[in-house]
């Protein structure tokens, strides 16, 4: 995900289940929509920009939108 200031992002939706934290975000500056996924059990995360028309589906099924080129980031402990 691009670099954003906290006041540039608006949380549209959020859910947490089975150690997977998923947040749907919208950028006021760019109009882009992003899904942020954090696996709290293993410390991995990824984010992806999605077409606004696909935002809710990507939020509900983020792994279906992951391309092989998306890298998973290990979170620092």
PDB file of N, CA and C in Angstrom:
ATOM      1  N   UNK A   1       0.855  -1.170   0.000  1.00  0.00           N
ATOM      2  CA  UNK A   1       0.000   0.000   0.000  1.00  0.00           C
ATOM      3  C   UNK A   1       0.898   1.229   0.000  1.00  0.00           C
ATOM      4  N   UNK A   2       0.439   2.249  -0.663  1.00  0.00           N
ATOM      5  CA  UNK A   2       1.167   3.500  -0.689  1.00  0.00           C
ATOM      6  C   UNK A   2       1.314   4.030   0.729  1.00  0.00           C
ATOM      7  N   UNK A   3       2.159   5.018   0.869  1.00  0.00           N
ATOM      8  CA  UNK A   3       2.337   5.644   2.173  1.00  0.00           C
ATOM      9  C   UNK A   3       1.270   6.718   2.366  1.00  0.00           C
ATOM     10  N   UNK A   4       0.553   6.642   3.477  1.00  0.00           N
ATOM     11  CA  UNK A   4      -0.508   7.595   3.772  1.00  0.00           C
ATOM     12  C   UNK A   4      -0.358   8.114   5.183  1.00  0.00           C
ATOM     13  N   UNK A   5      -0.795   9.356   5.396  1.00  0.00           N
ATOM     14  CA  UNK A   5      -0.919   9.889   6.745  1.00  0.00           C
ATOM     15  C   UNK A   5      -2.219   9.341   7.321  1.00  0.00           C
ATOM     16  N   UNK A   6      -2.287   9.245   8.626  1.00  0.00           N
ATOM     17  CA  UNK A   6      -3.467   8.674   9.284  1.00  0.00           C
ATOM     18  C   UNK A   6      -4.741   9.441   8.947  1.00  0.00           C
ATOM     19  N   UNK A   7      -4.652  10.758   8.787  1.00  0.00           N
ATOM     20  CA  UNK A   7      -5.858  11.537   8.501  1.00  0.00           C
ATOM     21  C   UNK A   7      -6.308  11.435   7.044  1.00  0.00           C
ATOM     22  N   UNK A   8      -5.526  10.775   6.205  1.00  0.00           N
ATOM     23  CA  UNK A   8      -5.892  10.582   4.803  1.00  0.00           C
ATOM     24  C   UNK A   8      -6.725   9.332   4.577  1.00  0.00           C
ATOM     25  N   UNK A   9      -6.741   8.441   5.549  1.00  0.00           N
ATOM     26  CA  UNK A   9      -7.448   7.176   5.392  1.00  0.00           C
ATOM     27  C   UNK A   9      -8.716   7.157   6.230  1.00  0.00           C
ATOM     28  N   UNK A  10      -9.736   6.584   5.653  1.00  0.00           N
ATOM     29  CA  UNK A  10     -10.995   6.405   6.381  1.00  0.00           C
ATOM     30  C   UNK A  10     -11.314   4.915   6.398  1.00  0.00           C
ATOM     31  N   UNK A  11     -11.576   4.406   7.586  1.00  0.00           N
ATOM     32  CA  UNK A  11     -11.945   3.000   7.723  1.00  0.00           C
ATOM     33  C   UNK A  11     -13.409   2.836   7.317  1.00  0.00           C
ATOM     34  N   UNK A  12     -13.644   2.007   6.315  1.00  0.00           N
ATOM     35  CA  UNK A  12     -14.999   1.764   5.837  1.00  0.00           C
ATOM     36  C   UNK A  12     -15.637   0.561   6.514  1.00  0.00           C
ATOM     37  N   UNK A  13     -14.804  -0.419   6.837  1.00  0.00           N
ATOM     38  CA  UNK A  13     -15.307  -1.616   7.507  1.00  0.00           C
ATOM     39  C   UNK A  13     -14.134  -2.341   8.148  1.00  0.00           C
ATOM     40  N   UNK A  14     -14.444  -3.173   9.118  1.00  0.00           N
ATOM     41  CA  UNK A  14     -13.413  -3.913   9.832  1.00  0.00           C
ATOM     42  C   UNK A  14     -14.030  -5.192  10.384  1.00  0.00           C
ATOM     43  N   UNK A  15     -13.243  -6.255  10.364  1.00  0.00           N
ATOM     44  CA  UNK A  15     -13.706  -7.498  10.984  1.00  0.00           C
ATOM     45  C   UNK A  15     -12.498  -8.259  11.511  1.00  0.00           C
ATOM     46  N   UNK A  16     -12.753  -9.066  12.526  1.00  0.00           N
ATOM     47  CA  UNK A  16     -11.714  -9.874  13.148  1.00  0.00           C
ATOM     48  C   UNK A  16     -12.321 -11.227  13.454  1.00  0.00           C
ATOM     49  N   UNK A  17     -11.671 -12.269  12.985  1.00  0.00           N
ATOM     50  CA  UNK A  17     -12.148 -13.614  13.257  1.00  0.00           C
ATOM     51  C   UNK A  17     -11.041 -14.629  13.083  1.00  0.00           C
ATOM     52  N   UNK A  18     -10.944 -15.547  14.014  1.00  0.00           N
ATOM     53  CA  UNK A  18      -9.973 -16.630  13.958  1.00  0.00           C
ATOM     54  C   UNK A  18      -8.543 -16.121  13.756  1.00  0.00           C
ATOM     55  N   UNK A  19      -8.242 -14.979  14.364  1.00  0.00           N
ATOM     56  CA  UNK A  19      -6.883 -14.443  14.290  1.00  0.00           C
ATOM     57  C   UNK A  19      -6.573 -13.677  13.019  1.00  0.00           C
ATOM     58  N   UNK A  20      -7.561 -13.482  12.142  1.00  0.00           N
ATOM     59  CA  UNK A  20      -7.362 -12.730  10.904  1.00  0.00           C
ATOM     60  C   UNK A  20      -8.092 -11.395  11.040  1.00  0.00           C
ATOM     61  N   UNK A  21      -7.341 -10.315  10.923  1.00  0.00           N
ATOM     62  CA  UNK A  21      -7.859  -8.958  11.047  1.00  0.00           C
ATOM     63  C   UNK A  21      -7.923  -8.358   9.639  1.00  0.00           C
ATOM     64  N   UNK A  22      -9.122  -7.957   9.192  1.00  0.00           N
ATOM     65  CA  UNK A  22      -9.308  -7.421   7.847  1.00  0.00           C
ATOM     66  C   UNK A  22      -9.915  -6.028   7.959  1.00  0.00           C
ATOM     67  N   UNK A  23      -9.295  -5.061   7.284  1.00  0.00           N
ATOM     68  CA  UNK A  23      -9.772  -3.687   7.298  1.00  0.00           C
ATOM     69  C   UNK A  23      -9.930  -3.183   5.874  1.00  0.00           C
ATOM     70  N   UNK A  24     -11.058  -2.541   5.609  1.00  0.00           N
ATOM     71  CA  UNK A  24     -11.324  -1.911   4.324  1.00  0.00           C
ATOM     72  C   UNK A  24     -11.107  -0.410   4.501  1.00  0.00           C
ATOM     73  N   UNK A  25     -10.218   0.162   3.694  1.00  0.00           N
ATOM     74  CA  UNK A  25      -9.825   1.561   3.834  1.00  0.00           C
ATOM     75  C   UNK A  25     -10.041   2.334   2.532  1.00  0.00           C
ATOM     76  N   UNK A  26     -10.345   3.619   2.669  1.00  0.00           N
ATOM     77  CA  UNK A  26     -10.487   4.518   1.531  1.00  0.00           C
ATOM     78  C   UNK A  26      -9.568   5.703   1.738  1.00  0.00           C
ATOM     79  N   UNK A  27      -8.855   6.095   0.698  1.00  0.00           N
ATOM     80  CA  UNK A  27      -7.957   7.251   0.753  1.00  0.00           C
ATOM     81  C   UNK A  27      -8.689   8.499   0.287  1.00  0.00           C
ATOM     82  N   UNK A  28      -8.737   9.492   1.159  1.00  0.00           N
ATOM     83  CA  UNK A  28      -9.343  10.776   0.785  1.00  0.00           C
ATOM     84  C   UNK A  28      -8.534  11.451  -0.322  1.00  0.00           C
ATOM     85  N   UNK A  29      -7.226  11.287  -0.280  1.00  0.00           N
ATOM     86  CA  UNK A  29      -6.339  11.975  -1.226  1.00  0.00           C
ATOM     87  C   UNK A  29      -6.413  11.370  -2.619  1.00  0.00           C
ATOM     88  N   UNK A  30      -6.368  10.038  -2.712  1.00  0.00           N
ATOM     89  CA  UNK A  30      -6.295   9.395  -4.029  1.00  0.00           C
ATOM     90  C   UNK A  30      -7.622   8.808  -4.489  1.00  0.00           C
ATOM     91  N   UNK A  31      -8.550   8.590  -3.556  1.00  0.00           N
ATOM     92  CA  UNK A  31      -9.805   7.922  -3.908  1.00  0.00           C
ATOM     93  C   UNK A  31      -9.647   6.418  -4.005  1.00  0.00           C
ATOM     94  N   UNK A  32      -8.461   5.906  -3.734  1.00  0.00           N
ATOM     95  CA  UNK A  32      -8.200   4.468  -3.799  1.00  0.00           C
ATOM     96  C   UNK A  32      -8.836   3.724  -2.643  1.00  0.00           C
ATOM     97  N   UNK A  33      -9.166   2.464  -2.899  1.00  0.00           N
ATOM     98  CA  UNK A  33      -9.741   1.589  -1.880  1.00  0.00           C
ATOM     99  C   UNK A  33      -8.759   0.441  -1.654  1.00  0.00           C
ATOM    100  N   UNK A  34      -8.512   0.141  -0.384  1.00  0.00           N
ATOM    101  CA  UNK A  34      -7.510  -0.849  -0.010  1.00  0.00           C
ATOM    102  C   UNK A  34      -8.080  -1.841   0.997  1.00  0.00           C
ATOM    103  N   UNK A  35      -7.572  -3.048   0.932  1.00  0.00           N
ATOM    104  CA  UNK A  35      -7.878  -4.069   1.933  1.00  0.00           C
ATOM    105  C   UNK A  35      -6.565  -4.408   2.625  1.00  0.00           C
ATOM    106  N   UNK A  36      -6.566  -4.330   3.938  1.00  0.00           N
ATOM    107  CA  UNK A  36      -5.401  -4.679   4.752  1.00  0.00           C
ATOM    108  C   UNK A  36      -5.745  -5.924   5.542  1.00  0.00           C
ATOM    109  N   UNK A  37      -4.902  -6.954   5.422  1.00  0.00           N
ATOM    110  CA  UNK A  37      -5.124  -8.224   6.115  1.00  0.00           C
ATOM    111  C   UNK A  37      -3.924  -8.494   7.012  1.00  0.00           C
ATOM    112  N   UNK A  38      -4.196  -8.754   8.279  1.00  0.00           N
ATOM    113  CA  UNK A  38      -3.140  -9.076   9.241  1.00  0.00           C
ATOM    114  C   UNK A  38      -3.486 -10.407   9.896  1.00  0.00           C
ATOM    115  N   UNK A  39      -2.569 -11.359   9.801  1.00  0.00           N
ATOM    116  CA  UNK A  39      -2.725 -12.640  10.474  1.00  0.00           C
ATOM    117  C   UNK A  39      -2.048 -12.499  11.835  1.00  0.00           C
ATOM    118  N   UNK A  40      -2.847 -12.326  12.867  1.00  0.00           N
ATOM    119  CA  UNK A  40      -2.318 -12.079  14.207  1.00  0.00           C
ATOM    120  C   UNK A  40      -1.640 -13.299  14.805  1.00  0.00           C
ATOM    121  N   UNK A  41      -1.944 -14.481  14.305  1.00  0.00           N
ATOM    122  CA  UNK A  41      -1.333 -15.706  14.835  1.00  0.00           C
ATOM    123  C   UNK A  41       0.113 -15.842  14.401  1.00  0.00           C
ATOM    124  N   UNK A  42       0.389 -15.492  13.142  1.00  0.00           N
ATOM    125  CA  UNK A  42       1.723 -15.723  12.588  1.00  0.00           C
ATOM    126  C   UNK A  42       2.509 -14.444  12.326  1.00  0.00           C
ATOM    127  N   UNK A  43       1.855 -13.286  12.474  1.00  0.00           N
ATOM    128  CA  UNK A  43       2.551 -12.023  12.261  1.00  0.00           C
ATOM    129  C   UNK A  43       2.743 -11.658  10.804  1.00  0.00           C
ATOM    130  N   UNK A  44       1.975 -12.255   9.901  1.00  0.00           N
ATOM    131  CA  UNK A  44       2.062 -11.925   8.484  1.00  0.00           C
ATOM    132  C   UNK A  44       0.983 -10.916   8.134  1.00  0.00           C
ATOM    133  N   UNK A  45       1.232 -10.156   7.066  1.00  0.00           N
ATOM    134  CA  UNK A  45       0.230  -9.203   6.608  1.00  0.00           C
ATOM    135  C   UNK A  45       0.388  -8.972   5.116  1.00  0.00           C
ATOM    136  N   UNK A  46      -0.682  -8.497   4.507  1.00  0.00           N
ATOM    137  CA  UNK A  46      -0.594  -8.020   3.137  1.00  0.00           C
ATOM    138  C   UNK A  46      -1.689  -6.979   2.933  1.00  0.00           C
ATOM    139  N   UNK A  47      -1.495  -6.185   1.909  1.00  0.00           N
ATOM    140  CA  UNK A  47      -2.504  -5.207   1.556  1.00  0.00           C
ATOM    141  C   UNK A  47      -2.626  -5.191   0.040  1.00  0.00           C
ATOM    142  N   UNK A  48      -3.771  -4.762  -0.420  1.00  0.00           N
ATOM    143  CA  UNK A  48      -3.971  -4.674  -1.844  1.00  0.00           C
ATOM    144  C   UNK A  48      -4.952  -3.575  -2.173  1.00  0.00           C
ATOM    145  N   UNK A  49      -4.720  -2.941  -3.297  1.00  0.00           N
ATOM    146  CA  UNK A  49      -5.652  -1.934  -3.786  1.00  0.00           C
ATOM    147  C   UNK A  49      -6.659  -2.652  -4.662  1.00  0.00           C
ATOM    148  N   UNK A  50      -7.929  -2.320  -4.491  1.00  0.00           N
ATOM    149  CA  UNK A  50      -8.985  -2.977  -5.258  1.00  0.00           C
ATOM    150  C   UNK A  50      -9.844  -1.930  -5.956  1.00  0.00           C
ATOM    151  N   UNK A  51     -10.481  -2.363  -7.011  1.00  0.00           N
ATOM    152  CA  UNK A  51     -11.437  -1.510  -7.706  1.00  0.00           C
ATOM    153  C   UNK A  51     -12.577  -1.205  -6.740  1.00  0.00           C
ATOM    154  N   UNK A  52     -12.994   0.051  -6.636  1.00  0.00           N
ATOM    155  CA  UNK A  52     -14.083   0.377  -5.715  1.00  0.00           C
ATOM    156  C   UNK A  52     -15.338  -0.471  -5.926  1.00  0.00           C
ATOM    157  N   UNK A  53     -15.600  -0.884  -7.145  1.00  0.00           N
ATOM    158  CA  UNK A  53     -16.765  -1.729  -7.427  1.00  0.00           C
ATOM    159  C   UNK A  53     -16.636  -3.109  -6.779  1.00  0.00           C
ATOM    160  N   UNK A  54     -15.406  -3.525  -6.506  1.00  0.00           N
ATOM    161  CA  UNK A  54     -15.151  -4.837  -5.902  1.00  0.00           C
ATOM    162  C   UNK A  54     -14.840  -4.750  -4.414  1.00  0.00           C
ATOM    163  N   UNK A  55     -14.976  -3.577  -3.820  1.00  0.00           N
ATOM    164  CA  UNK A  55     -14.505  -3.351  -2.454  1.00  0.00           C
ATOM    165  C   UNK A  55     -15.125  -4.299  -1.432  1.00  0.00           C
ATOM    166  N   UNK A  56     -16.430  -4.443  -1.426  1.00  0.00           N
ATOM    167  CA  UNK A  56     -17.062  -5.312  -0.426  1.00  0.00           C
ATOM    168  C   UNK A  56     -16.708  -6.771  -0.643  1.00  0.00           C
ATOM    169  N   UNK A  57     -16.663  -7.207  -1.886  1.00  0.00           N
ATOM    170  CA  UNK A  57     -16.299  -8.593  -2.155  1.00  0.00           C
ATOM    171  C   UNK A  57     -14.850  -8.859  -1.741  1.00  0.00           C
ATOM    172  N   UNK A  58     -13.965  -7.906  -2.039  1.00  0.00           N
ATOM    173  CA  UNK A  58     -12.555  -8.061  -1.648  1.00  0.00           C
ATOM    174  C   UNK A  58     -12.402  -8.055  -0.137  1.00  0.00           C
ATOM    175  N   UNK A  59     -13.215  -7.255   0.553  1.00  0.00           N
ATOM    176  CA  UNK A  59     -13.194  -7.228   2.008  1.00  0.00           C
ATOM    177  C   UNK A  59     -13.648  -8.579   2.569  1.00  0.00           C
ATOM    178  N   UNK A  60     -14.678  -9.155   1.983  1.00  0.00           N
ATOM    179  CA  UNK A  60     -15.205 -10.439   2.463  1.00  0.00           C
ATOM    180  C   UNK A  60     -14.318 -11.616   2.080  1.00  0.00           C
ATOM    181  N   UNK A  61     -13.638 -11.523   0.945  1.00  0.00           N
ATOM    182  CA  UNK A  61     -12.820 -12.632   0.422  1.00  0.00           C
ATOM    183  C   UNK A  61     -11.457 -12.123  -0.051  1.00  0.00           C
ATOM    184  N   UNK A  62     -10.646 -11.542   0.837  1.00  0.00           N
ATOM    185  CA  UNK A  62      -9.400 -10.915   0.379  1.00  0.00           C
ATOM    186  C   UNK A  62      -8.410 -11.882  -0.266  1.00  0.00           C
ATOM    187  N   UNK A  63      -8.401 -13.121   0.175  1.00  0.00           N
ATOM    188  CA  UNK A  63      -7.427 -14.058  -0.394  1.00  0.00           C
ATOM    189  C   UNK A  63      -7.725 -14.367  -1.854  1.00  0.00           C
ATOM    190  N   UNK A  64      -8.965 -14.206  -2.270  1.00  0.00           N
ATOM    191  CA  UNK A  64      -9.318 -14.417  -3.674  1.00  0.00           C
ATOM    192  C   UNK A  64      -8.768 -13.306  -4.570  1.00  0.00           C
ATOM    193  N   UNK A  65      -8.419 -12.172  -3.971  1.00  0.00           N
ATOM    194  CA  UNK A  65      -7.920 -11.036  -4.737  1.00  0.00           C
ATOM    195  C   UNK A  65      -6.399 -10.916  -4.713  1.00  0.00           C
ATOM    196  N   UNK A  66      -5.753 -11.785  -3.990  1.00  0.00           N
ATOM    197  CA  UNK A  66      -4.296 -11.745  -3.902  1.00  0.00           C
ATOM    198  C   UNK A  66      -3.703 -12.304  -5.183  1.00  0.00           C
ATOM    199  N   UNK A  67      -2.833 -11.527  -5.782  1.00  0.00           N
ATOM    200  CA  UNK A  67      -2.089 -11.996  -6.948  1.00  0.00           C
ATOM    201  C   UNK A  67      -0.801 -12.628  -6.453  1.00  0.00           C
ATOM    202  N   UNK A  68      -0.228 -13.457  -7.262  1.00  0.00           N
ATOM    203  CA  UNK A  68       1.010 -14.132  -6.858  1.00  0.00           C
ATOM    204  C   UNK A  68       2.140 -13.141  -6.627  1.00  0.00           C
ATOM    205  N   UNK A  69       2.054 -11.943  -7.231  1.00  0.00           N
ATOM    206  CA  UNK A  69       3.119 -10.969  -7.068  1.00  0.00           C
ATOM    207  C   UNK A  69       3.026 -10.197  -5.766  1.00  0.00           C
ATOM    208  N   UNK A  70       1.898 -10.302  -5.059  1.00  0.00           N
ATOM    209  CA  UNK A  70       1.762  -9.595  -3.780  1.00  0.00           C
ATOM    210  C   UNK A  70       2.633 -10.284  -2.752  1.00  0.00           C
ATOM    211  N   UNK A  71       3.448  -9.516  -2.073  1.00  0.00           N
ATOM    212  CA  UNK A  71       4.320 -10.118  -1.070  1.00  0.00           C
ATOM    213  C   UNK A  71       3.673 -10.016   0.293  1.00  0.00           C
ATOM    214  N   UNK A  72       3.847 -11.051   1.074  1.00  0.00           N
ATOM    215  CA  UNK A  72       3.372 -11.071   2.437  1.00  0.00           C
ATOM    216  C   UNK A  72       4.470 -10.513   3.310  1.00  0.00           C
ATOM    217  N   UNK A  73       4.099  -9.624   4.222  1.00  0.00           N
ATOM    218  CA  UNK A  73       5.066  -8.976   5.088  1.00  0.00           C
ATOM    219  C   UNK A  73       5.018  -9.588   6.478  1.00  0.00           C
ATOM    220  N   UNK A  74       6.163 -10.000   6.954  1.00  0.00           N
ATOM    221  CA  UNK A  74       6.244 -10.463   8.343  1.00  0.00           C
ATOM    222  C   UNK A  74       6.289  -9.236   9.237  1.00  0.00           C
ATOM    223  N   UNK A  75       5.457  -9.207  10.223  1.00  0.00           N
ATOM    224  CA  UNK A  75       5.414  -8.077  11.142  1.00  0.00           C
ATOM    225  C   UNK A  75       6.530  -8.208  12.182  1.00  0.00           C
ATOM    226  N   UNK A  76       7.136  -7.105  12.503  1.00  0.00           N
ATOM    227  CA  UNK A  76       8.177  -7.110  13.524  1.00  0.00           C
ATOM    228  C   UNK A  76       7.547  -7.357  14.882  1.00  0.00           C
ATOM    229  N   UNK A  77       8.210  -8.154  15.677  1.00  0.00           N
ATOM    230  CA  UNK A  77       7.684  -8.464  17.006  1.00  0.00           C
ATOM    231  C   UNK A  77       7.903  -7.341  17.971  1.00  0.00           C
TER     232      UNK A  77
END
